C-alpha atoms as a PDB file:
ATOM      1  CA  MET A   1     -19.520  -0.046  11.331  1.00  0.00           C
ATOM      2  CA  ALA A   2     -20.656   0.862   7.830  1.00  0.00           C
ATOM      3  CA  GLU A   3     -20.025  -1.454   4.907  1.00  0.00           C
ATOM      4  CA  ALA A   4     -17.342  -0.321   2.454  1.00  0.00           C
ATOM      5  CA  PRO A   5     -18.588   1.070  -0.890  1.00  0.00           C
ATOM      6  CA  PHE A   6     -18.642  -1.571  -3.632  1.00  0.00           C
ATOM      7  CA  LEU A   7     -19.648  -2.316  -7.239  1.00  0.00           C
ATOM      8  CA  LEU A   8     -20.827  -5.540  -8.880  1.00  0.00           C
ATOM      9  CA  ALA A   9     -19.704  -6.764 -12.293  1.00  0.00           C
ATOM     10  CA  ARG A  10     -20.118  -9.804 -14.546  1.00  0.00           C
ATOM     11  CA  PHE A  11     -17.284 -11.467 -16.408  1.00  0.00           C
ATOM     12  CA  HIS A  12     -16.686 -14.447 -18.670  1.00  0.00           C
ATOM     13  CA  LEU A  13     -13.711 -16.642 -17.817  1.00  0.00           C
ATOM     14  CA  PRO A  14     -12.262 -17.540 -21.249  1.00  0.00           C
ATOM     15  CA  ASP A  15     -11.761 -21.183 -22.216  1.00  0.00           C
ATOM     16  CA  ASP A  16      -8.028 -20.512 -22.614  1.00  0.00           C
ATOM     17  CA  TYR A  17      -7.594 -18.641 -19.299  1.00  0.00           C
ATOM     18  CA  PRO A  18      -4.297 -19.628 -17.573  1.00  0.00           C
ATOM     19  CA  SER A  19      -6.099 -20.834 -14.413  1.00  0.00           C
ATOM     20  CA  ALA A  20      -8.760 -23.538 -14.595  1.00  0.00           C
ATOM     21  CA  PHE A  21     -11.025 -21.502 -12.290  1.00  0.00           C
ATOM     22  CA  LEU A  22     -11.301 -18.413 -10.076  1.00  0.00           C
ATOM     23  CA  SER A  23     -12.849 -18.495  -6.640  1.00  0.00           C
ATOM     24  CA  ARG A  24     -13.003 -16.798  -3.290  1.00  0.00           C
ATOM     25  CA  GLN A  25      -9.981 -17.682  -1.267  1.00  0.00           C
ATOM     26  CA  PHE A  26      -9.596 -18.477   2.412  1.00  0.00           C
ATOM     27  CA  GLY A  27     -13.312 -18.800   3.118  1.00  0.00           C
ATOM     28  CA  GLY A  28     -14.209 -15.469   1.578  1.00  0.00           C
ATOM     29  CA  HIS A  29     -11.895 -13.313   3.692  1.00  0.00           C
ATOM     30  CA  LEU A  30     -10.370 -10.459   1.731  1.00  0.00           C
ATOM     31  CA  GLY A  31      -6.706  -9.762   2.184  1.00  0.00           C
ATOM     32  CA  PRO A  32      -4.175  -7.400   0.631  1.00  0.00           C
ATOM     33  CA  LEU A  33      -3.310  -9.910  -2.111  1.00  0.00           C
ATOM     34  CA  ASP A  34      -6.900 -10.190  -3.357  1.00  0.00           C
ATOM     35  CA  GLY A  35      -6.626  -6.950  -5.286  1.00  0.00           C
ATOM     36  CA  ASP A  36      -5.878  -5.754  -8.771  1.00  0.00           C
ATOM     37  CA  ILE A  37      -5.504  -2.588 -10.779  1.00  0.00           C
ATOM     38  CA  ALA A  38      -8.749  -1.733 -12.571  1.00  0.00           C
ATOM     39  CA  VAL A  39      -8.465   0.231 -15.792  1.00  0.00           C
ATOM     40  CA  PHE A  40     -11.347   2.429 -16.994  1.00  0.00           C
ATOM     41  CA  SER A  41     -12.040   5.814 -18.583  1.00  0.00           C
ATOM     42  CA  ARG A  42     -12.907   9.006 -16.742  1.00  0.00           C
ATOM     43  CA  ALA A  43     -13.433  12.271 -18.605  1.00  0.00           C
ATOM     44  CA  GLY A  44     -11.724  10.770 -21.669  1.00  0.00           C
ATOM     45  CA  GLU A  45      -8.600   9.751 -19.771  1.00  0.00           C
ATOM     46  CA  GLU A  46      -7.425   6.320 -18.674  1.00  0.00           C
ATOM     47  CA  VAL A  47      -7.608   5.683 -14.929  1.00  0.00           C
ATOM     48  CA  ARG A  48      -5.773   2.906 -13.104  1.00  0.00           C
ATOM     49  CA  ALA A  49      -7.198   2.380  -9.634  1.00  0.00           C
ATOM     50  CA  TYR A  50      -6.631  -0.316  -7.018  1.00  0.00           C
ATOM     51  CA  THR A  51      -9.571  -2.488  -5.959  1.00  0.00           C
ATOM     52  CA  GLN A  52     -10.050  -5.615  -3.906  1.00  0.00           C
ATOM     53  CA  TRP A  53     -12.300  -8.167  -5.601  1.00  0.00           C
ATOM     54  CA  THR A  54     -13.909 -11.463  -4.821  1.00  0.00           C
ATOM     55  CA  THR A  55     -16.178 -13.844  -6.677  1.00  0.00           C
ATOM     56  CA  VAL A  56     -19.801 -13.693  -5.541  1.00  0.00           C
ATOM     57  CA  GLU A  57     -21.836 -15.974  -7.797  1.00  0.00           C
ATOM     58  CA  PRO A  58     -20.945 -18.721  -8.300  1.00  0.00           C
ATOM     59  CA  GLU A  59     -18.295 -18.881  -5.620  1.00  0.00           C
ATOM     60  CA  GLY A  60     -16.024 -20.747  -8.048  1.00  0.00           C
ATOM     61  CA  VAL A  61     -16.023 -19.823 -11.752  1.00  0.00           C
ATOM     62  CA  ALA A  62     -14.605 -22.409 -14.184  1.00  0.00           C
ATOM     63  CA  ARG A  63     -13.234 -21.741 -17.672  1.00  0.00           C
ATOM     64  CA  GLY A  64     -16.055 -20.933 -20.076  1.00  0.00           C
ATOM     65  CA  GLU A  65     -18.435 -19.812 -17.308  1.00  0.00           C
ATOM     66  CA  ILE A  66     -19.879 -16.406 -16.433  1.00  0.00           C
ATOM     67  CA  GLY A  67     -19.470 -15.101 -12.900  1.00  0.00           C
ATOM     68  CA  LEU A  68     -20.255 -12.118 -10.719  1.00  0.00           C
ATOM     69  CA  VAL A  69     -17.566 -10.276  -8.746  1.00  0.00           C
ATOM     70  CA  ARG A  70     -17.752  -7.684  -6.007  1.00  0.00           C
ATOM     71  CA  LEU A  71     -15.268  -4.822  -6.356  1.00  0.00           C
ATOM     72  CA  THR A  72     -14.283  -2.820  -3.266  1.00  0.00           C
ATOM     73  CA  PRO A  73     -12.246   0.191  -4.441  1.00  0.00           C
ATOM     74  CA  MET A  74      -9.518   1.686  -2.305  1.00  0.00           C
ATOM     75  CA  HIS A  75     -10.485   5.247  -3.364  1.00  0.00           C
ATOM     76  CA  PRO A  76     -14.244   5.248  -4.148  1.00  0.00           C
ATOM     77  CA  PRO A  77     -14.463   8.843  -5.515  1.00  0.00           C
ATOM     78  CA  LEU A  78     -12.588   7.717  -8.651  1.00  0.00           C
ATOM     79  CA  TRP A  79     -15.395   5.217  -9.325  1.00  0.00           C
ATOM     80  CA  ARG A  80     -18.512   7.382  -8.804  1.00  0.00           C
ATOM     81  CA  HIS A  81     -18.992   8.189 -12.483  1.00  0.00           C
ATOM     82  CA  LEU A  82     -19.177   4.523 -13.564  1.00  0.00           C
ATOM     83  CA  GLN A  83     -22.629   3.211 -14.523  1.00  0.00           C
ATOM     84  CA  ALA A  84     -24.153  -0.216 -15.089  1.00  0.00           C
ATOM     85  CA  GLY A  85     -23.240  -1.518 -18.543  1.00  0.00           C
ATOM     86  CA  GLN A  86     -19.794   0.088 -18.649  1.00  0.00           C
ATOM     87  CA  THR A  87     -16.708  -2.060 -19.117  1.00  0.00           C
ATOM     88  CA  LEU A  88     -13.523  -2.031 -17.088  1.00  0.00           C
ATOM     89  CA  HIS A  89     -10.471  -4.268 -17.118  1.00  0.00           C
ATOM     90  CA  LEU A  90      -8.531  -5.981 -14.340  1.00  0.00           C
ATOM     91  CA  HIS A  91      -4.892  -5.488 -15.263  1.00  0.00           C
ATOM     92  CA  PHE A  92      -3.186  -8.449 -13.561  1.00  0.00           C
ATOM     93  CA  ALA A  93      -6.088 -10.905 -13.799  1.00  0.00           C
ATOM     94  CA  ARG A  94      -6.411 -10.008 -17.523  1.00  0.00           C
ATOM     95  CA  LEU A  95     -10.198  -9.963 -17.373  1.00  0.00           C
ATOM     96  CA  SER A  96     -12.810  -7.591 -18.775  1.00  0.00           C
ATOM     97  CA  LEU A  97     -15.785  -6.865 -16.535  1.00  0.00           C
ATOM     98  CA  GLN A  98     -19.184  -5.361 -17.297  1.00  0.00           C
ATOM     99  CA  LEU A  99     -20.659  -3.416 -14.411  1.00  0.00           C
ATOM    100  CA  THR A 100     -24.096  -4.569 -13.274  1.00  0.00           C
ATOM    101  CA  GLN A 101     -24.324  -2.283 -10.245  1.00  0.00           C
ATOM    102  CA  PRO A 102     -22.581   1.076  -9.879  1.00  0.00           C
ATOM    103  CA  LEU A 103     -20.877   2.209  -6.698  1.00  0.00           C
ATOM    104  CA  THR A 104     -23.058   1.832  -3.626  1.00  0.00           C
ATOM    105  CA  GLU A 105     -22.161   3.986  -0.697  1.00  0.00           C
ATOM    106  CA  SER A 106     -23.462   3.443   2.797  1.00  0.00           C
ATOM    107  CA  PRO A 107     -24.344   6.512   4.844  1.00  0.00           C
ATOM    108  CA  VAL A 108     -21.765   7.235   7.531  1.00  0.00           C
END
Protein backbone atom coordinates (compact mmCIF):
# COMPACT_ATOMS: atom_id res chain seq x y z
CA MET A 1 0.00 0.00 0.00
CA ALA A 2 1.35 3.41 -0.95
CA GLU A 3 2.02 6.05 1.67
CA ALA A 4 -0.43 8.97 1.73
CA PRO A 5 0.84 12.28 0.28
CA PHE A 6 2.22 14.61 2.96
CA LEU A 7 4.01 17.92 3.60
CA LEU A 8 6.43 18.94 6.35
CA ALA A 9 6.37 22.27 8.16
CA ARG A 10 8.12 24.02 11.05
CA PHE A 11 6.35 26.00 13.73
CA HIS A 12 7.15 27.90 16.91
CA LEU A 13 4.95 27.16 19.91
CA PRO A 14 4.48 30.60 21.53
CA ASP A 15 5.36 31.13 25.19
CA ASP A 16 1.74 32.10 25.88
CA TYR A 17 0.17 29.15 24.01
CA PRO A 18 -2.87 27.76 25.92
CA SER A 19 -1.34 24.26 26.17
CA ALA A 20 2.05 23.72 27.80
CA PHE A 21 3.10 21.43 24.93
CA LEU A 22 1.98 19.64 21.76
CA SER A 23 2.86 16.05 21.03
CA ARG A 24 1.88 12.97 19.11
CA GLN A 25 -0.98 11.26 20.81
CA PHE A 26 -1.70 7.59 21.38
CA GLY A 27 1.74 6.36 20.35
CA GLY A 28 1.75 8.20 17.05
CA HIS A 29 -1.47 6.72 15.66
CA LEU A 30 -3.49 9.23 13.67
CA GLY A 31 -7.20 9.37 14.24
CA PRO A 32 -10.06 11.54 13.03
CA LEU A 33 -9.58 14.01 15.90
CA ASP A 34 -5.94 14.72 15.03
CA GLY A 35 -6.92 17.09 12.25
CA ASP A 36 -7.42 20.77 11.67
CA ILE A 37 -8.46 23.22 9.00
CA ALA A 38 -5.42 24.67 7.24
CA VAL A 39 -5.78 28.13 5.76
CA PHE A 40 -3.61 29.23 2.81
CA SER A 41 -3.80 31.15 -0.46
CA ARG A 42 -4.35 29.66 -3.90
CA ALA A 43 -4.61 31.86 -6.98
CA GLY A 44 -5.19 34.89 -4.74
CA GLU A 45 -8.08 33.30 -2.87
CA GLU A 46 -8.24 31.92 0.66
CA VAL A 47 -8.50 28.13 0.88
CA ARG A 48 -9.61 26.21 3.96
CA ALA A 49 -8.70 22.54 3.68
CA TYR A 50 -8.79 19.68 6.18
CA THR A 51 -5.53 17.96 7.12
CA GLN A 52 -4.41 15.46 9.71
CA TRP A 53 -1.20 16.49 11.47
CA THR A 54 1.24 15.07 13.93
CA THR A 55 4.45 16.27 15.53
CA VAL A 56 7.57 14.70 14.06
CA GLU A 57 10.59 16.34 15.68
CA PRO A 58 10.74 16.58 18.59
CA GLU A 59 7.88 14.28 19.43
CA GLY A 60 6.79 16.71 22.16
CA VAL A 61 7.11 20.47 21.60
CA ALA A 62 7.05 22.70 24.70
CA ARG A 63 6.15 26.40 24.84
CA GLY A 64 8.91 28.49 23.31
CA GLU A 65 10.29 25.61 21.22
CA ILE A 66 10.38 25.02 17.46
CA GLY A 67 8.97 21.78 16.09
CA LEU A 68 8.36 19.94 12.85
CA VAL A 69 4.92 18.60 11.89
CA ARG A 70 3.79 16.23 9.18
CA LEU A 71 0.60 17.29 7.38
CA THR A 72 -1.49 14.65 5.59
CA PRO A 73 -4.17 16.48 3.57
CA MET A 74 -7.56 14.94 2.93
CA HIS A 75 -7.64 16.33 -0.65
CA PRO A 76 -4.01 16.61 -1.87
CA PRO A 77 -4.75 18.41 -5.20
CA LEU A 78 -5.59 21.58 -3.25
CA TRP A 79 -2.05 21.54 -1.81
CA ARG A 80 0.05 20.91 -4.95
CA HIS A 81 0.86 24.57 -5.57
CA LEU A 82 2.41 25.11 -2.12
CA GLN A 83 6.21 25.42 -1.99
CA ALA A 84 8.84 25.32 0.74
CA GLY A 85 9.00 28.65 2.55
CA GLN A 86 5.29 29.43 2.24
CA THR A 87 3.20 30.00 5.35
CA LEU A 88 -0.11 28.43 6.25
CA HIS A 89 -2.22 28.57 9.39
CA LEU A 90 -3.93 25.86 11.43
CA HIS A 91 -7.32 27.31 12.29
CA PHE A 92 -8.23 25.47 15.51
CA ALA A 93 -4.69 24.99 16.83
CA ARG A 94 -4.05 28.73 16.19
CA LEU A 95 -0.57 28.09 14.83
CA SER A 96 1.32 29.44 11.83
CA LEU A 97 3.47 26.94 9.95
CA GLN A 98 6.27 27.45 7.44
CA LEU A 99 6.52 24.68 4.87
CA THR A 100 9.90 22.95 4.68
CA GLN A 101 8.85 20.26 2.21
CA PRO A 102 6.07 20.58 -0.36
CA LEU A 103 3.58 17.83 -1.10
CA THR A 104 5.21 14.48 -1.74
CA GLU A 105 3.18 12.01 -3.69
CA SER A 106 3.97 8.33 -3.92
CA PRO A 107 3.44 6.62 -7.26
CA VAL A 108 0.36 4.42 -7.27
